[in-house]
Amino acid sequence: TPILVAAVGACSVALLGGLATQIGPWYRALNKPTWQPPDWAFGPAWTLIYTLTAIAAVRAWRGA
């Protein structure tokens, strides 16, 4: 049960965040720093962040 709850929770937050984010011409026109990661790196990075968050939630649930 904790794994299912953590997975659904992480996917729900990721989905809501994705739907609430509008990346369009205004973002592309921003003057961004040279050290900003490339666009393709954000998908894997956020996937890793949400996966680790779900794992931490399961561990906390089981430890409580």
N, C-alpha and C. Protein backbone atom coordinates (compact mmCIF):
# COMPACT_ATOMS: atom_id res chain seq x y z
N THR A 1 0.82 -1.21 0.00
CA THR A 1 0.00 0.00 0.00
C THR A 1 0.85 1.26 0.00
N PRO A 2 1.91 1.36 0.82
CA PRO A 2 2.71 2.59 0.81
C PRO A 2 3.32 2.88 -0.56
N ILE A 3 3.73 1.83 -1.26
CA ILE A 3 4.35 2.04 -2.58
C ILE A 3 3.32 2.61 -3.55
N LEU A 4 2.11 2.05 -3.53
CA LEU A 4 1.06 2.53 -4.42
C LEU A 4 0.70 3.98 -4.11
N VAL A 5 0.55 4.30 -2.83
CA VAL A 5 0.20 5.67 -2.44
C VAL A 5 1.30 6.63 -2.85
N ALA A 6 2.57 6.26 -2.61
CA ALA A 6 3.69 7.13 -2.97
C ALA A 6 3.78 7.31 -4.49
N ALA A 7 3.59 6.24 -5.24
CA ALA A 7 3.66 6.33 -6.70
C ALA A 7 2.54 7.19 -7.26
N VAL A 8 1.32 6.98 -6.79
CA VAL A 8 0.19 7.78 -7.25
C VAL A 8 0.37 9.24 -6.86
N GLY A 9 0.84 9.47 -5.64
CA GLY A 9 1.07 10.84 -5.19
C GLY A 9 2.12 11.55 -6.03
N ALA A 10 3.25 10.89 -6.28
CA ALA A 10 4.32 11.50 -7.07
C ALA A 10 3.86 11.75 -8.50
N CYS A 11 3.16 10.80 -9.09
CA CYS A 11 2.67 10.98 -10.47
C CYS A 11 1.63 12.09 -10.54
N SER A 12 0.79 12.19 -9.52
CA SER A 12 -0.23 13.25 -9.51
C SER A 12 0.41 14.63 -9.43
N VAL A 13 1.38 14.78 -8.54
CA VAL A 13 2.06 16.07 -8.42
C VAL A 13 2.80 16.41 -9.71
N ALA A 14 3.46 15.42 -10.31
CA ALA A 14 4.17 15.65 -11.56
C ALA A 14 3.21 16.05 -12.68
N LEU A 15 2.07 15.38 -12.75
CA LEU A 15 1.08 15.69 -13.78
C LEU A 15 0.52 17.10 -13.59
N LEU A 16 0.16 17.42 -12.36
CA LEU A 16 -0.37 18.77 -12.08
C LEU A 16 0.67 19.85 -12.39
N GLY A 17 1.90 19.60 -12.02
CA GLY A 17 2.97 20.55 -12.31
C GLY A 17 3.17 20.72 -13.81
N GLY A 18 3.12 19.62 -14.54
CA GLY A 18 3.27 19.70 -15.98
C GLY A 18 2.13 20.45 -16.64
N LEU A 19 0.92 20.22 -16.16
CA LEU A 19 -0.24 20.91 -16.73
C LEU A 19 -0.25 22.40 -16.39
N ALA A 20 0.31 22.75 -15.24
CA ALA A 20 0.30 24.15 -14.80
C ALA A 20 1.45 24.96 -15.42
N THR A 21 2.38 24.29 -16.05
CA THR A 21 3.56 24.97 -16.60
C THR A 21 3.37 25.25 -18.08
N GLN A 22 3.47 26.49 -18.42
CA GLN A 22 3.38 26.91 -19.83
C GLN A 22 4.75 27.40 -20.29
N ILE A 23 5.43 26.60 -21.10
CA ILE A 23 6.71 27.03 -21.66
C ILE A 23 6.44 27.39 -23.11
N GLY A 24 6.64 28.62 -23.40
CA GLY A 24 6.37 29.09 -24.75
C GLY A 24 7.41 30.09 -25.20
N PRO A 25 7.04 30.94 -26.13
CA PRO A 25 8.00 31.91 -26.66
C PRO A 25 8.55 32.85 -25.59
N TRP A 26 7.75 33.16 -24.57
CA TRP A 26 8.23 34.06 -23.52
C TRP A 26 9.42 33.44 -22.78
N TYR A 27 9.39 32.13 -22.58
CA TYR A 27 10.49 31.47 -21.87
C TYR A 27 11.72 31.38 -22.76
N ARG A 28 11.50 31.05 -24.00
CA ARG A 28 12.63 30.93 -24.93
C ARG A 28 13.32 32.28 -25.14
N ALA A 29 12.56 33.36 -24.99
CA ALA A 29 13.11 34.70 -25.20
C ALA A 29 13.87 35.24 -23.98
N LEU A 30 13.76 34.55 -22.83
CA LEU A 30 14.47 35.01 -21.64
C LEU A 30 15.98 34.97 -21.84
N ASN A 31 16.66 35.87 -21.19
CA ASN A 31 18.11 35.90 -21.22
C ASN A 31 18.61 34.96 -20.13
N LYS A 32 18.94 33.72 -20.50
CA LYS A 32 19.30 32.69 -19.53
C LYS A 32 20.83 32.61 -19.38
N PRO A 33 21.29 32.15 -18.20
CA PRO A 33 22.74 32.03 -17.99
C PRO A 33 23.35 30.93 -18.86
N THR A 34 24.62 31.05 -19.12
CA THR A 34 25.29 30.07 -19.97
C THR A 34 25.40 28.71 -19.28
N TRP A 35 25.33 28.69 -17.93
CA TRP A 35 25.49 27.44 -17.21
C TRP A 35 24.17 26.68 -17.04
N GLN A 36 23.09 27.20 -17.61
CA GLN A 36 21.81 26.49 -17.50
C GLN A 36 21.90 25.17 -18.26
N PRO A 37 21.40 24.08 -17.65
CA PRO A 37 21.42 22.78 -18.33
C PRO A 37 20.58 22.83 -19.61
N PRO A 38 20.87 21.95 -20.57
CA PRO A 38 20.08 21.90 -21.79
C PRO A 38 18.65 21.44 -21.50
N ASP A 39 17.72 21.81 -22.38
CA ASP A 39 16.30 21.49 -22.17
C ASP A 39 16.05 20.00 -21.98
N TRP A 40 16.78 19.16 -22.72
CA TRP A 40 16.54 17.72 -22.65
C TRP A 40 16.89 17.14 -21.28
N ALA A 41 17.67 17.82 -20.47
CA ALA A 41 18.08 17.30 -19.17
C ALA A 41 17.00 17.42 -18.10
N PHE A 42 16.01 18.28 -18.32
CA PHE A 42 15.02 18.52 -17.28
C PHE A 42 14.07 17.34 -17.09
N GLY A 43 13.70 16.65 -18.14
CA GLY A 43 12.82 15.48 -18.01
C GLY A 43 13.44 14.39 -17.14
N PRO A 44 14.65 13.93 -17.47
CA PRO A 44 15.28 12.92 -16.62
C PRO A 44 15.54 13.41 -15.19
N ALA A 45 15.90 14.67 -15.05
CA ALA A 45 16.18 15.20 -13.71
C ALA A 45 14.92 15.18 -12.85
N TRP A 46 13.80 15.65 -13.40
CA TRP A 46 12.55 15.66 -12.62
C TRP A 46 12.04 14.25 -12.36
N THR A 47 12.25 13.35 -13.30
CA THR A 47 11.86 11.96 -13.09
C THR A 47 12.64 11.38 -11.92
N LEU A 48 13.93 11.65 -11.87
CA LEU A 48 14.76 11.18 -10.76
C LEU A 48 14.31 11.81 -9.44
N ILE A 49 14.03 13.09 -9.44
CA ILE A 49 13.59 13.78 -8.23
C ILE A 49 12.30 13.18 -7.69
N TYR A 50 11.31 12.97 -8.57
CA TYR A 50 10.04 12.41 -8.12
C TYR A 50 10.19 10.96 -7.68
N THR A 51 11.04 10.19 -8.34
CA THR A 51 11.27 8.81 -7.94
C THR A 51 11.90 8.75 -6.55
N LEU A 52 12.91 9.57 -6.32
CA LEU A 52 13.55 9.59 -5.01
C LEU A 52 12.61 10.09 -3.92
N THR A 53 11.73 11.04 -4.26
CA THR A 53 10.75 11.52 -3.30
C THR A 53 9.78 10.40 -2.92
N ALA A 54 9.33 9.63 -3.90
CA ALA A 54 8.42 8.51 -3.63
C ALA A 54 9.11 7.45 -2.78
N ILE A 55 10.37 7.17 -3.06
CA ILE A 55 11.11 6.19 -2.26
C ILE A 55 11.24 6.69 -0.82
N ALA A 56 11.54 7.98 -0.65
CA ALA A 56 11.65 8.54 0.70
C ALA A 56 10.30 8.47 1.44
N ALA A 57 9.21 8.70 0.72
CA ALA A 57 7.89 8.61 1.34
C ALA A 57 7.59 7.19 1.81
N VAL A 58 7.93 6.20 1.00
CA VAL A 58 7.71 4.80 1.39
C VAL A 58 8.55 4.45 2.61
N ARG A 59 9.80 4.88 2.61
CA ARG A 59 10.68 4.58 3.75
C ARG A 59 10.17 5.25 5.02
N ALA A 60 9.68 6.49 4.88
CA ALA A 60 9.16 7.20 6.06
C ALA A 60 7.90 6.52 6.57
N TRP A 61 7.02 6.11 5.66
CA TRP A 61 5.78 5.42 6.04
C TRP A 61 6.11 4.14 6.81
N ARG A 62 7.02 3.36 6.25
CA ARG A 62 7.36 2.08 6.88
C ARG A 62 8.11 2.28 8.20
N GLY A 63 8.84 3.38 8.31
CA GLY A 63 9.58 3.64 9.54
C GLY A 63 8.73 4.23 10.65
N ALA A 64 7.54 4.71 10.29
CA ALA A 64 6.68 5.36 11.31
C ALA A 64 5.98 4.35 12.20
